[in-house]
Amino acid sequence: MAVKLKVNTYVDVAVVDLKEKALDASNSENFKKGIAETLESFDKVVIDLSRVEFVDSSGCGALLSCLRTLSDRGGELKLCGVQKNVQRLFELVRMDRIIEILAGKEDAVKAF
């Protein structure tokens, strides 16, 4: 089943709104397929996780895959709208040290 994504662009930044409650083993592959075109078209990508209440290791892997795709050609990935329980997981696995996490979309877009 396709993952619901909405992409908005702000000049040269793509903001991907992930419209799912979870990013986990059940949908991480579909997420990677769904976001692939955006990752090819933009060097600056923000993923808005404000609706996401749960992320597992597969979800972390999918986000790291996005980061790797962008980094390989000099692009950048930022996250925004991360809920407290997801933020705790990112801190636990140290993803917050690898991917910049900002409060809101405007902050994330301005941070490039």
Protein backbone atom coordinates (compact mmCIF):
# COMPACT_ATOMS: atom_id res chain seq x y z
CA MET A 1 0.00 0.00 0.00
CA ALA A 2 1.35 3.40 -0.94
CA VAL A 3 2.54 5.74 1.78
CA LYS A 4 0.76 9.09 1.81
CA LEU A 5 3.20 11.88 1.04
CA LYS A 6 2.54 15.48 0.11
CA VAL A 7 5.40 17.48 -1.38
CA ASN A 8 5.51 21.27 -1.32
CA THR A 9 8.40 23.28 -2.67
CA TYR A 10 9.81 26.51 -1.29
CA VAL A 11 12.19 27.92 -3.91
CA ASP A 12 14.81 25.11 -4.02
CA VAL A 13 13.69 23.16 -0.93
CA ALA A 14 11.24 20.23 -1.04
CA VAL A 15 9.13 19.78 2.08
CA VAL A 16 7.71 16.26 2.32
CA ASP A 17 4.72 15.93 4.62
CA LEU A 18 4.50 12.29 5.73
CA LYS A 19 0.80 11.67 6.31
CA GLU A 20 1.13 8.43 8.28
CA LYS A 21 0.95 7.64 12.00
CA ALA A 22 3.94 5.29 11.78
CA LEU A 23 7.10 4.81 9.77
CA ASP A 24 7.93 1.18 10.38
CA ALA A 25 8.51 -2.25 8.82
CA SER A 26 5.00 -2.21 7.35
CA ASN A 27 5.58 0.88 5.17
CA SER A 28 9.27 1.87 5.13
CA GLU A 29 9.93 0.31 1.70
CA ASN A 30 6.90 2.08 0.23
CA PHE A 31 8.09 5.32 1.86
CA LYS A 32 11.49 4.96 0.14
CA LYS A 33 9.80 4.30 -3.22
CA GLY A 34 7.41 7.22 -2.72
CA ILE A 35 10.11 9.73 -1.84
CA ALA A 36 12.67 8.57 -4.44
CA GLU A 37 11.57 11.04 -7.14
CA THR A 38 11.76 13.96 -4.70
CA LEU A 39 15.26 12.89 -3.60
CA GLU A 40 16.35 12.81 -7.25
CA SER A 41 14.84 16.21 -8.07
CA PHE A 42 15.98 18.24 -5.04
CA ASP A 43 19.25 18.67 -3.13
CA LYS A 44 17.55 20.20 -0.08
CA VAL A 45 14.78 18.11 1.48
CA VAL A 46 12.79 18.53 4.69
CA ILE A 47 10.67 15.64 5.96
CA ASP A 48 7.82 16.77 8.20
CA LEU A 49 7.12 14.04 10.77
CA SER A 50 4.47 15.93 12.76
CA ARG A 51 1.84 13.22 12.14
CA VAL A 52 4.20 10.33 12.88
CA GLU A 53 3.70 8.83 16.35
CA PHE A 54 5.91 5.75 15.95
CA VAL A 55 9.17 4.92 14.19
CA ASP A 56 10.99 1.58 14.39
CA SER A 57 14.41 0.47 13.13
CA SER A 58 13.05 0.07 9.58
CA GLY A 59 11.77 3.65 9.70
CA CYS A 60 15.14 4.89 10.96
CA GLY A 61 16.79 2.95 8.16
CA ALA A 62 14.49 4.53 5.57
CA LEU A 63 15.34 8.04 6.84
CA LEU A 64 19.07 7.21 6.82
CA SER A 65 18.68 5.90 3.27
CA CYS A 66 17.19 9.29 2.25
CA LEU A 67 20.11 11.03 3.96
CA ARG A 68 22.64 8.82 2.15
CA THR A 69 21.01 9.43 -1.25
CA LEU A 70 21.20 13.19 -0.76
CA SER A 71 24.65 13.25 0.89
CA ASP A 72 26.17 11.22 -1.93
CA ARG A 73 25.69 14.19 -4.23
CA GLY A 74 26.18 17.03 -1.76
CA GLY A 75 22.54 17.44 -0.75
CA GLU A 76 21.06 17.84 2.71
CA LEU A 77 18.18 16.34 4.69
CA LYS A 78 16.45 17.92 7.68
CA LEU A 79 13.54 16.70 9.80
CA CYS A 80 10.87 18.80 11.47
CA GLY A 81 7.78 18.35 13.61
CA VAL A 82 9.21 15.34 15.44
CA GLN A 83 6.95 14.21 18.31
CA LYS A 84 8.46 13.67 21.77
CA ASN A 85 8.41 9.86 21.74
CA VAL A 86 9.99 9.75 18.26
CA GLN A 87 12.55 12.38 19.34
CA ARG A 88 13.49 10.15 22.31
CA LEU A 89 14.10 7.23 19.94
CA PHE A 90 16.21 9.40 17.63
CA GLU A 91 18.29 10.52 20.66
CA LEU A 92 18.63 6.92 21.87
CA VAL A 93 19.98 5.71 18.52
CA ARG A 94 21.84 9.03 18.00
CA MET A 95 20.04 9.91 14.78
CA ASP A 96 19.65 13.44 16.16
CA ARG A 97 23.43 13.76 15.73
CA ILE A 98 23.30 12.64 12.10
CA ILE A 99 20.17 14.40 10.82
CA GLU A 100 19.35 17.95 11.89
CA ILE A 101 15.95 18.16 13.60
CA LEU A 102 14.09 21.47 13.72
CA ALA A 103 10.79 22.51 15.31
CA GLY A 104 8.76 23.56 12.27
CA LYS A 105 8.76 23.74 8.48
CA GLU A 106 9.80 27.40 8.31
CA ASP A 107 12.75 26.81 10.65
CA ALA A 108 13.83 23.78 8.62
CA VAL A 109 13.60 25.59 5.26
CA LYS A 110 15.54 28.58 6.62
CA ALA A 111 18.24 26.30 8.08
CA PHE A 112 19.67 25.42 4.65
